[in-house]
Amino acid sequence: MPKNLRGMLAVATAALLALAAGCTPTGPSVDDDPRASDAAETERPLVLTTFTVIADMVREVAGDRVEVRSITRVGAEIHGYEPTPGDLRQARGAELVIENGLGLEAWFAQFIADVDAPSVTLSDGLDPVRIASTDEANPHAWMSPVAGQHYVARIAEALSELDPGGAEHYAARAAAYSADLDAVADELAAAIERVPADARVLISCEGAFSYLVRDLGLDEAYLWPVNADQQATPQRVAAVIDTVRERAVPAVFCESTVSDDAMRQVAADTGAQFGGTLYVDSLSGPDGPVPSYLALLRHAAETIATGLAS
């Protein structure tokens, strides 16, 4: 693993391990419809998250002490989501609502204004990566296991405030989960080692991998910076085609929540392979390739490494 990545992970892991000794968290996966409520009555507090990736992270830290639901379904496009009246009714029954922040959920401020429950922004305190040539923060910080550890610590803190009696439980599970992320970071670095140095360029539809490419020392290019602005303009397509040709990039990729038509055209025009579908803003269903956050990171690394090493 690169020294800077290992150092950042060690600091984050040590902070969590200092809270409590580790225990092994269970690995619940998201439901086909995470918004669907359980008919059975529960005394557990309801924690609502904005999308499925965060819901899985919260479940890992919470265990069985809280009920966790995602506002958006598996496969939903999170940036431009339009909450429904049912979402609002569900939120009014929640005791905590958790968002990513950094401008990811453009709809969240208006949504939470009608909800009495407190909200927590997991990206607060992170040093964000800026979108190229702008002052705007890239919101996809969870795609880095380093930033993921920051999220885990924030989740443990929020749950402990909601449920002080479970503070040791949350700290222990967070420490174990952070250690899992440390292991995944090693796996990611090892996967990229298979890629020749001159081919270490990640070409994707959305610029959702800036935190991951920073950690792994990759270059990146994309058709649009965030899905809320998704426009594969002729200029953007031409710039990506030039990058693929100049760097002889062997494979290009696209995310699961958007059309891959434009990127497949890039592949056709350059002779690059379409390397596969990457998951960012949503997990898959329980039987799909990325039923959990850890699986999402591993799938991304393996898909990218396999494509670029071809």
C-alpha atoms as a PDB file:
ATOM      1  CA  MET A   1       0.000   0.000   0.000  1.00  0.00           C
ATOM      2  CA  PRO A   2       1.302   3.556  -0.685  1.00  0.00           C
ATOM      3  CA  LYS A   3       2.849   5.066   2.460  1.00  0.00           C
ATOM      4  CA  ASN A   4       0.483   8.050   2.517  1.00  0.00           C
ATOM      5  CA  LEU A   5      -2.556   5.782   2.270  1.00  0.00           C
ATOM      6  CA  ARG A   6      -1.276   3.461   4.989  1.00  0.00           C
ATOM      7  CA  GLY A   7      -0.548   6.422   7.255  1.00  0.00           C
ATOM      8  CA  MET A   8      -4.004   7.931   6.897  1.00  0.00           C
ATOM      9  CA  LEU A   9      -5.626   4.569   7.521  1.00  0.00           C
ATOM     10  CA  ALA A  10      -3.491   3.916  10.577  1.00  0.00           C
ATOM     11  CA  VAL A  11      -4.502   7.223  12.150  1.00  0.00           C
ATOM     12  CA  ALA A  12      -8.209   6.638  11.546  1.00  0.00           C
ATOM     13  CA  THR A  13      -8.068   3.040  12.754  1.00  0.00           C
ATOM     14  CA  ALA A  14      -6.138   3.924  15.889  1.00  0.00           C
ATOM     15  CA  ALA A  15      -8.709   6.555  16.840  1.00  0.00           C
ATOM     16  CA  LEU A  16     -11.518   4.032  16.664  1.00  0.00           C
ATOM     17  CA  LEU A  17      -9.609   1.210  18.333  1.00  0.00           C
ATOM     18  CA  ALA A  18      -8.887   3.510  21.234  1.00  0.00           C
ATOM     19  CA  LEU A  19     -12.608   3.712  21.911  1.00  0.00           C
ATOM     20  CA  ALA A  20     -13.131  -0.009  22.395  1.00  0.00           C
ATOM     21  CA  ALA A  21     -11.801  -3.436  21.614  1.00  0.00           C
ATOM     22  CA  GLY A  22     -12.926  -4.787  18.265  1.00  0.00           C
ATOM     23  CA  CYS A  23     -15.690  -7.258  17.621  1.00  0.00           C
ATOM     24  CA  THR A  24     -16.758  -8.704  14.296  1.00  0.00           C
ATOM     25  CA  PRO A  25     -19.805  -6.927  12.833  1.00  0.00           C
ATOM     26  CA  THR A  26     -22.447  -8.832  11.016  1.00  0.00           C
ATOM     27  CA  GLY A  27     -22.911  -8.153   7.318  1.00  0.00           C
ATOM     28  CA  PRO A  28     -26.568  -7.355   6.660  1.00  0.00           C
ATOM     29  CA  SER A  29     -27.414  -6.494   3.091  1.00  0.00           C
ATOM     30  CA  VAL A  30     -29.953  -4.028   1.796  1.00  0.00           C
ATOM     31  CA  ASP A  31     -33.487  -5.106   0.962  1.00  0.00           C
ATOM     32  CA  ASP A  32     -34.785  -4.981  -2.600  1.00  0.00           C
ATOM     33  CA  ASP A  33     -36.753  -1.920  -1.501  1.00  0.00           C
ATOM     34  CA  PRO A  34     -34.955  -0.315   1.451  1.00  0.00           C
ATOM     35  CA  ARG A  35     -37.824   2.163   1.905  1.00  0.00           C
ATOM     36  CA  ALA A  36     -40.332  -0.576   2.654  1.00  0.00           C
ATOM     37  CA  SER A  37     -41.250  -0.595   6.337  1.00  0.00           C
ATOM     38  CA  ASP A  38     -41.448  -3.707   8.438  1.00  0.00           C
ATOM     39  CA  ALA A  39     -45.023  -4.428   9.414  1.00  0.00           C
ATOM     40  CA  ALA A  40     -43.911  -5.692  12.793  1.00  0.00           C
ATOM     41  CA  GLU A  41     -43.819  -3.095  15.545  1.00  0.00           C
ATOM     42  CA  THR A  42     -40.380  -2.314  16.874  1.00  0.00           C
ATOM     43  CA  GLU A  43     -39.143  -0.362  19.849  1.00  0.00           C
ATOM     44  CA  ARG A  44     -35.839   0.319  18.140  1.00  0.00           C
ATOM     45  CA  PRO A  45     -35.253   3.915  17.054  1.00  0.00           C
ATOM     46  CA  LEU A  46     -35.581   4.498  13.314  1.00  0.00           C
ATOM     47  CA  VAL A  47     -32.540   5.917  11.546  1.00  0.00           C
ATOM     48  CA  LEU A  48     -33.158   7.093   7.993  1.00  0.00           C
ATOM     49  CA  THR A  49     -30.370   7.545   5.446  1.00  0.00           C
ATOM     50  CA  THR A  50     -30.416   9.229   2.068  1.00  0.00           C
ATOM     51  CA  PHE A  51     -29.094   6.280   0.046  1.00  0.00           C
ATOM     52  CA  THR A  52     -28.302   2.600   0.273  1.00  0.00           C
ATOM     53  CA  VAL A  53     -24.527   2.802   0.711  1.00  0.00           C
ATOM     54  CA  ILE A  54     -24.871   4.861   3.873  1.00  0.00           C
ATOM     55  CA  ALA A  55     -27.688   2.614   5.092  1.00  0.00           C
ATOM     56  CA  ASP A  56     -25.373  -0.389   4.896  1.00  0.00           C
ATOM     57  CA  MET A  57     -22.623   1.439   6.773  1.00  0.00           C
ATOM     58  CA  VAL A  58     -25.029   2.450   9.523  1.00  0.00           C
ATOM     59  CA  ARG A  59     -26.314  -1.125   9.833  1.00  0.00           C
ATOM     60  CA  GLU A  60     -22.768  -2.392  10.257  1.00  0.00           C
ATOM     61  CA  VAL A  61     -22.070   0.031  13.107  1.00  0.00           C
ATOM     62  CA  ALA A  62     -25.523  -0.230  14.699  1.00  0.00           C
ATOM     63  CA  GLY A  63     -26.032  -3.978  14.724  1.00  0.00           C
ATOM     64  CA  ASP A  64     -29.528  -4.725  15.993  1.00  0.00           C
ATOM     65  CA  ARG A  65     -29.903  -1.705  18.278  1.00  0.00           C
ATOM     66  CA  VAL A  66     -31.593   0.538  15.687  1.00  0.00           C
ATOM     67  CA  GLU A  67     -33.754   0.094  12.616  1.00  0.00           C
ATOM     68  CA  VAL A  68     -32.122   1.510   9.478  1.00  0.00           C
ATOM     69  CA  ARG A  69     -33.856   2.410   6.218  1.00  0.00           C
ATOM     70  CA  SER A  70     -32.773   4.187   3.050  1.00  0.00           C
ATOM     71  CA  ILE A  71     -34.927   6.905   1.514  1.00  0.00           C
ATOM     72  CA  THR A  72     -33.853   5.909  -1.991  1.00  0.00           C
ATOM     73  CA  ARG A  73     -34.199   2.447  -3.501  1.00  0.00           C
ATOM     74  CA  VAL A  74     -31.473   0.200  -4.818  1.00  0.00           C
ATOM     75  CA  GLY A  75     -30.428   1.511  -8.246  1.00  0.00           C
ATOM     76  CA  ALA A  76     -31.784   5.031  -7.694  1.00  0.00           C
ATOM     77  CA  GLU A  77     -29.935   8.088  -8.983  1.00  0.00           C
ATOM     78  CA  ILE A  78     -29.298  10.035  -5.794  1.00  0.00           C
ATOM     79  CA  HIS A  79     -28.237  13.493  -7.025  1.00  0.00           C
ATOM     80  CA  GLY A  80     -31.513  14.571  -8.610  1.00  0.00           C
ATOM     81  CA  TYR A  81     -33.855  12.397  -6.556  1.00  0.00           C
ATOM     82  CA  GLU A  82     -37.330  13.806  -5.900  1.00  0.00           C
ATOM     83  CA  PRO A  83     -38.647  12.729  -2.472  1.00  0.00           C
ATOM     84  CA  THR A  84     -42.204  11.418  -2.352  1.00  0.00           C
ATOM     85  CA  PRO A  85     -44.924  12.144   0.225  1.00  0.00           C
ATOM     86  CA  GLY A  86     -44.244   8.634   1.542  1.00  0.00           C
ATOM     87  CA  ASP A  87     -40.589   9.543   2.092  1.00  0.00           C
ATOM     88  CA  LEU A  88     -41.643  12.557   4.115  1.00  0.00           C
ATOM     89  CA  ARG A  89     -44.103  10.546   6.218  1.00  0.00           C
ATOM     90  CA  GLN A  90     -41.379   8.015   6.936  1.00  0.00           C
ATOM     91  CA  ALA A  91     -38.913  10.739   7.902  1.00  0.00           C
ATOM     92  CA  ARG A  92     -41.402  12.218  10.351  1.00  0.00           C
ATOM     93  CA  GLY A  93     -41.271   8.906  12.211  1.00  0.00           C
ATOM     94  CA  ALA A  94     -37.469   8.830  12.316  1.00  0.00           C
ATOM     95  CA  GLU A  95     -35.321   9.773  15.276  1.00  0.00           C
ATOM     96  CA  LEU A  96     -32.250  10.512  13.165  1.00  0.00           C
ATOM     97  CA  VAL A  97     -31.657  11.274   9.472  1.00  0.00           C
ATOM     98  CA  ILE A  98     -28.180  10.820   7.965  1.00  0.00           C
ATOM     99  CA  GLU A  99     -26.925  12.375   4.718  1.00  0.00           C
ATOM    100  CA  ASN A 100     -23.634  12.401   2.851  1.00  0.00           C
ATOM    101  CA  GLY A 101     -23.372  16.150   2.250  1.00  0.00           C
ATOM    102  CA  LEU A 102     -20.869  17.954  -0.015  1.00  0.00           C
ATOM    103  CA  GLY A 103     -23.780  18.828  -2.296  1.00  0.00           C
ATOM    104  CA  LEU A 104     -24.579  15.208  -3.160  1.00  0.00           C
ATOM    105  CA  GLU A 105     -28.243  15.346  -2.125  1.00  0.00           C
ATOM    106  CA  ALA A 106     -29.368  18.587  -3.753  1.00  0.00           C
ATOM    107  CA  TRP A 107     -32.884  17.935  -2.454  1.00  0.00           C
ATOM    108  CA  PHE A 108     -31.992  17.310   1.172  1.00  0.00           C
ATOM    109  CA  ALA A 109     -32.183  20.820   2.672  1.00  0.00           C
ATOM    110  CA  GLN A 110     -35.787  21.299   1.595  1.00  0.00           C
ATOM    111  CA  PHE A 111     -36.661  17.748   2.622  1.00  0.00           C
ATOM    112  CA  ILE A 112     -35.250  17.996   6.155  1.00  0.00           C
ATOM    113  CA  ALA A 113     -36.878  21.402   6.727  1.00  0.00           C
ATOM    114  CA  ASP A 114     -40.207  19.588   7.150  1.00  0.00           C
ATOM    115  CA  VAL A 115     -38.798  16.954   9.519  1.00  0.00           C
ATOM    116  CA  ASP A 116     -38.359  17.336  13.282  1.00  0.00           C
ATOM    117  CA  ALA A 117     -35.664  14.662  13.611  1.00  0.00           C
ATOM    118  CA  PRO A 118     -32.037  15.802  13.924  1.00  0.00           C
ATOM    119  CA  SER A 119     -29.781  15.224  10.932  1.00  0.00           C
ATOM    120  CA  VAL A 120     -26.107  14.339  10.632  1.00  0.00           C
ATOM    121  CA  THR A 121     -23.795  15.002   7.673  1.00  0.00           C
ATOM    122  CA  LEU A 122     -21.150  12.295   7.420  1.00  0.00           C
ATOM    123  CA  SER A 123     -18.709  14.292   5.299  1.00  0.00           C
ATOM    124  CA  ASP A 124     -18.424  17.103   7.860  1.00  0.00           C
ATOM    125  CA  GLY A 125     -14.785  17.459   8.867  1.00  0.00           C
ATOM    126  CA  LEU A 126     -13.363  15.897   5.701  1.00  0.00           C
ATOM    127  CA  ASP A 127     -10.872  17.736   3.523  1.00  0.00           C
ATOM    128  CA  PRO A 128     -12.731  17.473   0.207  1.00  0.00           C
ATOM    129  CA  VAL A 129     -11.253  16.879  -3.202  1.00  0.00           C
ATOM    130  CA  ARG A 130     -12.281  19.666  -5.565  1.00  0.00           C
ATOM    131  CA  ILE A 131     -13.849  19.034  -8.950  1.00  0.00           C
ATOM    132  CA  ALA A 132     -11.300  19.914 -11.613  1.00  0.00           C
ATOM    133  CA  SER A 133     -11.172  23.610 -12.548  1.00  0.00           C
ATOM    134  CA  THR A 134     -13.824  24.538  -9.942  1.00  0.00           C
ATOM    135  CA  ASP A 135     -14.136  25.374  -6.258  1.00  0.00           C
ATOM    136  CA  GLU A 136     -16.863  22.764  -5.825  1.00  0.00           C
ATOM    137  CA  ALA A 137     -16.274  19.738  -3.636  1.00  0.00           C
ATOM    138  CA  ASN A 138     -16.523  16.308  -5.182  1.00  0.00           C
ATOM    139  CA  PRO A 139     -19.215  14.621  -3.054  1.00  0.00           C
ATOM    140  CA  HIS A 140     -18.193  10.959  -3.559  1.00  0.00           C
ATOM    141  CA  ALA A 141     -15.849  10.685  -0.589  1.00  0.00           C
ATOM    142  CA  TRP A 142     -17.094   7.238   0.464  1.00  0.00           C
ATOM    143  CA  MET A 143     -15.366   5.746  -2.588  1.00  0.00           C
ATOM    144  CA  SER A 144     -12.120   6.002  -0.593  1.00  0.00           C
ATOM    145  CA  PRO A 145     -11.680   3.574   2.317  1.00  0.00           C
ATOM    146  CA  VAL A 146      -9.764   6.342   4.109  1.00  0.00           C
ATOM    147  CA  ALA A 147     -12.759   8.669   3.943  1.00  0.00           C
ATOM    148  CA  GLY A 148     -14.973   5.668   4.658  1.00  0.00           C
ATOM    149  CA  GLN A 149     -13.318   5.377   8.052  1.00  0.00           C
ATOM    150  CA  HIS A 150     -14.206   9.006   8.712  1.00  0.00           C
ATOM    151  CA  TYR A 151     -17.830   8.145   7.898  1.00  0.00           C
ATOM    152  CA  VAL A 152     -17.735   5.180  10.273  1.00  0.00           C
ATOM    153  CA  ALA A 153     -16.444   7.323  13.129  1.00  0.00           C
ATOM    154  CA  ARG A 154     -19.149   9.927  12.463  1.00  0.00           C
ATOM    155  CA  ILE A 155     -21.833   7.213  12.424  1.00  0.00           C
ATOM    156  CA  ALA A 156     -20.650   5.797  15.758  1.00  0.00           C
ATOM    157  CA  GLU A 157     -20.705   9.263  17.286  1.00  0.00           C
ATOM    158  CA  ALA A 158     -24.212  10.013  15.977  1.00  0.00           C
ATOM    159  CA  LEU A 159     -25.624   6.694  17.153  1.00  0.00           C
ATOM    160  CA  SER A 160     -24.062   7.149  20.582  1.00  0.00           C
ATOM    161  CA  GLU A 161     -25.765  10.526  20.923  1.00  0.00           C
ATOM    162  CA  LEU A 162     -29.075   8.981  19.888  1.00  0.00           C
ATOM    163  CA  ASP A 163     -28.647   5.922  22.126  1.00  0.00           C
ATOM    164  CA  PRO A 164     -26.081   6.622  24.892  1.00  0.00           C
ATOM    165  CA  GLY A 165     -26.622   3.202  26.421  1.00  0.00           C
ATOM    166  CA  GLY A 166     -25.193   1.616  23.280  1.00  0.00           C
ATOM    167  CA  ALA A 167     -22.062   3.776  23.048  1.00  0.00           C
ATOM    168  CA  GLU A 168     -19.611   0.956  23.820  1.00  0.00           C
ATOM    169  CA  HIS A 169     -21.451  -1.339  21.407  1.00  0.00           C
ATOM    170  CA  TYR A 170     -21.204   1.229  18.607  1.00  0.00           C
ATOM    171  CA  ALA A 171     -17.553   2.007  19.323  1.00  0.00           C
ATOM    172  CA  ALA A 172     -16.582  -1.666  19.225  1.00  0.00           C
ATOM    173  CA  ARG A 173     -18.405  -2.343  15.974  1.00  0.00           C
ATOM    174  CA  ALA A 174     -17.014   0.844  14.419  1.00  0.00           C
ATOM    175  CA  ALA A 175     -13.475  -0.195  15.355  1.00  0.00           C
ATOM    176  CA  ALA A 176     -13.963  -3.626  13.776  1.00  0.00           C
ATOM    177  CA  TYR A 177     -15.541  -2.107  10.666  1.00  0.00           C
ATOM    178  CA  SER A 178     -12.695   0.381  10.365  1.00  0.00           C
ATOM    179  CA  ALA A 179     -10.240  -2.516  10.503  1.00  0.00           C
ATOM    180  CA  ASP A 180     -12.199  -4.155   7.663  1.00  0.00           C
ATOM    181  CA  LEU A 181     -11.760  -0.966   5.622  1.00  0.00           C
ATOM    182  CA  ASP A 182      -8.049  -1.033   6.383  1.00  0.00           C
ATOM    183  CA  ALA A 183      -7.884  -4.546   4.932  1.00  0.00           C
ATOM    184  CA  VAL A 184      -9.878  -3.488   1.867  1.00  0.00           C
ATOM    185  CA  ALA A 185      -7.464  -0.613   1.279  1.00  0.00           C
ATOM    186  CA  ASP A 186      -4.616  -3.125   1.144  1.00  0.00           C
ATOM    187  CA  GLU A 187      -6.611  -5.198  -1.347  1.00  0.00           C
ATOM    188  CA  LEU A 188      -7.263  -2.147  -3.539  1.00  0.00           C
ATOM    189  CA  ALA A 189      -3.585  -1.199  -3.630  1.00  0.00           C
ATOM    190  CA  ALA A 190      -2.623  -4.788  -4.473  1.00  0.00           C
ATOM    191  CA  ALA A 191      -5.194  -4.935  -7.283  1.00  0.00           C
ATOM    192  CA  ILE A 192      -3.837  -1.770  -8.900  1.00  0.00           C
ATOM    193  CA  GLU A 193      -0.303  -3.164  -8.789  1.00  0.00           C
ATOM    194  CA  ARG A 194      -1.422  -5.490 -11.608  1.00  0.00           C
ATOM    195  CA  VAL A 195      -1.901  -2.465 -13.886  1.00  0.00           C
ATOM    196  CA  PRO A 196       1.098  -1.181 -15.913  1.00  0.00           C
ATOM    197  CA  ALA A 197       2.159   2.269 -14.730  1.00  0.00           C
ATOM    198  CA  ASP A 198       1.402   3.981 -18.048  1.00  0.00           C
ATOM    199  CA  ALA A 199      -2.136   2.530 -18.113  1.00  0.00           C
ATOM    200  CA  ARG A 200      -3.165   3.789 -14.683  1.00  0.00           C
ATOM    201  CA  VAL A 201      -5.874   6.139 -15.928  1.00  0.00           C
ATOM    202  CA  LEU A 202      -9.483   5.687 -14.857  1.00  0.00           C
ATOM    203  CA  ILE A 203     -11.980   6.811 -17.508  1.00  0.00           C
ATOM    204  CA  SER A 204     -15.595   6.884 -16.282  1.00  0.00           C
ATOM    205  CA  CYS A 205     -18.925   8.504 -17.097  1.00  0.00           C
ATOM    206  CA  GLU A 206     -19.157  10.385 -13.806  1.00  0.00           C
ATOM    207  CA  GLY A 207     -16.183  11.857 -11.935  1.00  0.00           C
ATOM    208  CA  ALA A 208     -17.060   9.783  -8.893  1.00  0.00           C
ATOM    209  CA  PHE A 209     -13.636   8.294  -8.207  1.00  0.00           C
ATOM    210  CA  SER A 210     -11.491  11.317  -7.363  1.00  0.00           C
ATOM    211  CA  TYR A 211     -10.953  10.203  -3.752  1.00  0.00           C
ATOM    212  CA  LEU A 212     -10.085   6.655  -4.778  1.00  0.00           C
ATOM    213  CA  VAL A 213      -7.692   7.685  -7.548  1.00  0.00           C
ATOM    214  CA  ARG A 214      -6.028  10.085  -5.083  1.00  0.00           C
ATOM    215  CA  ASP A 215      -5.448   7.211  -2.658  1.00  0.00           C
ATOM    216  CA  LEU A 216      -4.141   4.849  -5.334  1.00  0.00           C
ATOM    217  CA  GLY A 217      -2.099   7.290  -7.381  1.00  0.00           C
ATOM    218  CA  LEU A 218      -4.196   7.018 -10.555  1.00  0.00           C
ATOM    219  CA  ASP A 219      -5.098   9.676 -13.108  1.00  0.00           C
ATOM    220  CA  GLU A 220      -8.721  10.178 -14.123  1.00  0.00           C
ATOM    221  CA  ALA A 221     -10.945  11.578 -16.849  1.00  0.00           C
ATOM    222  CA  TYR A 222     -14.739  11.580 -17.117  1.00  0.00           C
ATOM    223  CA  LEU A 223     -17.661  12.689 -19.250  1.00  0.00           C
ATOM    224  CA  TRP A 224     -19.301  14.811 -16.529  1.00  0.00           C
ATOM    225  CA  PRO A 225     -18.296  15.735 -12.972  1.00  0.00           C
ATOM    226  CA  VAL A 226     -21.476  14.688 -11.132  1.00  0.00           C
ATOM    227  CA  ASN A 227     -24.669  13.048 -12.302  1.00  0.00           C
ATOM    228  CA  ALA A 228     -26.730  16.121 -11.490  1.00  0.00           C
ATOM    229  CA  ASP A 229     -24.916  17.800 -14.392  1.00  0.00           C
ATOM    230  CA  GLN A 230     -24.744  14.794 -16.661  1.00  0.00           C
ATOM    231  CA  GLN A 231     -24.267  16.049 -20.174  1.00  0.00           C
ATOM    232  CA  ALA A 232     -21.936  14.160 -22.464  1.00  0.00           C
ATOM    233  CA  THR A 233     -21.319  17.246 -24.606  1.00  0.00           C
ATOM    234  CA  PRO A 234     -19.320  16.887 -27.835  1.00  0.00           C
ATOM    235  CA  GLN A 235     -16.448  18.784 -26.193  1.00  0.00           C
ATOM    236  CA  ARG A 236     -16.347  16.481 -23.179  1.00  0.00           C
ATOM    237  CA  VAL A 237     -16.573  13.359 -25.309  1.00  0.00           C
ATOM    238  CA  ALA A 238     -13.782  14.648 -27.566  1.00  0.00           C
ATOM    239  CA  ALA A 239     -11.556  15.398 -24.558  1.00  0.00           C
ATOM    240  CA  VAL A 240     -12.061  11.900 -23.153  1.00  0.00           C
ATOM    241  CA  ILE A 241     -11.373  10.338 -26.563  1.00  0.00           C
ATOM    242  CA  ASP A 242      -8.139  12.336 -26.790  1.00  0.00           C
ATOM    243  CA  THR A 243      -7.076  11.101 -23.341  1.00  0.00           C
ATOM    244  CA  VAL A 244      -7.806   7.478 -24.199  1.00  0.00           C
ATOM    245  CA  ARG A 245      -5.809   7.729 -27.420  1.00  0.00           C
ATOM    246  CA  GLU A 246      -2.877   9.707 -26.001  1.00  0.00           C
ATOM    247  CA  ARG A 247      -2.490   7.437 -22.975  1.00  0.00           C
ATOM    248  CA  ALA A 248      -3.415   4.229 -24.832  1.00  0.00           C
ATOM    249  CA  VAL A 249      -5.932   3.455 -22.095  1.00  0.00           C
ATOM    250  CA  PRO A 250      -7.092  -0.139 -22.639  1.00  0.00           C
ATOM    251  CA  ALA A 251     -10.537   0.085 -20.997  1.00  0.00           C
ATOM    252  CA  VAL A 252     -13.227   2.602 -20.056  1.00  0.00           C
ATOM    253  CA  PHE A 253     -16.064   2.306 -17.535  1.00  0.00           C
ATOM    254  CA  CYS A 254     -19.463   3.687 -16.549  1.00  0.00           C
ATOM    255  CA  GLU A 255     -21.579   3.759 -13.395  1.00  0.00           C
ATOM    256  CA  SER A 256     -24.664   1.661 -12.735  1.00  0.00           C
ATOM    257  CA  THR A 257     -27.141   4.511 -12.241  1.00  0.00           C
ATOM    258  CA  VAL A 258     -26.642   6.194 -15.639  1.00  0.00           C
ATOM    259  CA  SER A 259     -26.743   5.236 -19.312  1.00  0.00           C
ATOM    260  CA  ASP A 260     -23.433   3.915 -20.638  1.00  0.00           C
ATOM    261  CA  ASP A 261     -24.240   4.763 -24.277  1.00  0.00           C
ATOM    262  CA  ALA A 262     -21.812   7.690 -24.508  1.00  0.00           C
ATOM    263  CA  MET A 263     -18.960   5.728 -22.956  1.00  0.00           C
ATOM    264  CA  ARG A 264     -19.572   2.770 -25.226  1.00  0.00           C
ATOM    265  CA  GLN A 265     -19.251   5.206 -28.133  1.00  0.00           C
ATOM    266  CA  VAL A 266     -15.913   6.365 -26.714  1.00  0.00           C
ATOM    267  CA  ALA A 267     -14.801   2.735 -26.646  1.00  0.00           C
ATOM    268  CA  ALA A 268     -15.932   2.202 -30.227  1.00  0.00           C
ATOM    269  CA  ASP A 269     -14.160   5.337 -31.444  1.00  0.00           C
ATOM    270  CA  THR A 270     -10.850   4.574 -29.714  1.00  0.00           C
ATOM    271  CA  GLY A 271     -10.623   0.790 -29.821  1.00  0.00           C
ATOM    272  CA  ALA A 272     -10.628   0.604 -26.030  1.00  0.00           C
ATOM    273  CA  GLN A 273     -12.691  -2.075 -24.335  1.00  0.00           C
ATOM    274  CA  PHE A 274     -15.782  -1.251 -22.305  1.00  0.00           C
ATOM    275  CA  GLY A 275     -14.362  -2.530 -19.034  1.00  0.00           C
ATOM    276  CA  GLY A 276     -17.580  -2.906 -17.094  1.00  0.00           C
ATOM    277  CA  THR A 277     -20.107  -1.297 -14.800  1.00  0.00           C
ATOM    278  CA  LEU A 278     -19.012   0.379 -11.575  1.00  0.00           C
ATOM    279  CA  TYR A 279     -21.255   0.977  -8.565  1.00  0.00           C
ATOM    280  CA  VAL A 280     -21.056   4.288  -6.726  1.00  0.00           C
ATOM    281  CA  ASP A 281     -24.337   5.897  -5.674  1.00  0.00           C
ATOM    282  CA  SER A 282     -26.215   2.670  -5.003  1.00  0.00           C
ATOM    283  CA  LEU A 283     -25.651  -0.871  -3.854  1.00  0.00           C
ATOM    284  CA  SER A 284     -27.144  -3.761  -5.777  1.00  0.00           C
ATOM    285  CA  GLY A 285     -29.853  -6.030  -4.437  1.00  0.00           C
ATOM    286  CA  PRO A 286     -28.804  -8.776  -1.995  1.00  0.00           C
ATOM    287  CA  ASP A 287     -28.153 -11.221  -4.839  1.00  0.00           C
ATOM    288  CA  GLY A 288     -26.225  -8.709  -6.961  1.00  0.00           C
ATOM    289  CA  PRO A 289     -22.496  -8.018  -7.154  1.00  0.00           C
ATOM    290  CA  VAL A 290     -22.367  -5.277  -4.484  1.00  0.00           C
ATOM    291  CA  PRO A 291     -24.830  -5.982  -1.648  1.00  0.00           C
ATOM    292  CA  SER A 292     -22.638  -4.100   0.838  1.00  0.00           C
ATOM    293  CA  TYR A 293     -20.289  -1.116   0.984  1.00  0.00           C
ATOM    294  CA  LEU A 294     -17.208  -3.330   1.373  1.00  0.00           C
ATOM    295  CA  ALA A 295     -18.329  -5.376  -1.629  1.00  0.00           C
ATOM    296  CA  LEU A 296     -18.796  -2.152  -3.614  1.00  0.00           C
ATOM    297  CA  LEU A 297     -15.181  -1.097  -2.994  1.00  0.00           C
ATOM    298  CA  ARG A 298     -13.826  -4.551  -3.809  1.00  0.00           C
ATOM    299  CA  HIS A 299     -15.909  -4.796  -6.982  1.00  0.00           C
ATOM    300  CA  ALA A 300     -14.671  -1.388  -8.150  1.00  0.00           C
ATOM    301  CA  ALA A 301     -11.025  -2.305  -7.610  1.00  0.00           C
ATOM    302  CA  GLU A 302     -11.306  -5.692  -9.315  1.00  0.00           C
ATOM    303  CA  THR A 303     -13.274  -4.312 -12.282  1.00  0.00           C
ATOM    304  CA  ILE A 304     -10.869  -1.423 -12.799  1.00  0.00           C
ATOM    305  CA  ALA A 305      -7.732  -3.508 -12.364  1.00  0.00           C
ATOM    306  CA  THR A 306      -8.956  -6.256 -14.674  1.00  0.00           C
ATOM    307  CA  GLY A 307      -9.934  -3.756 -17.379  1.00  0.00           C
ATOM    308  CA  LEU A 308      -6.740  -1.709 -17.228  1.00  0.00           C
ATOM    309  CA  ALA A 309      -4.454  -4.751 -17.037  1.00  0.00           C
ATOM    310  CA  SER A 310      -5.950  -6.275 -20.197  1.00  0.00           C
END
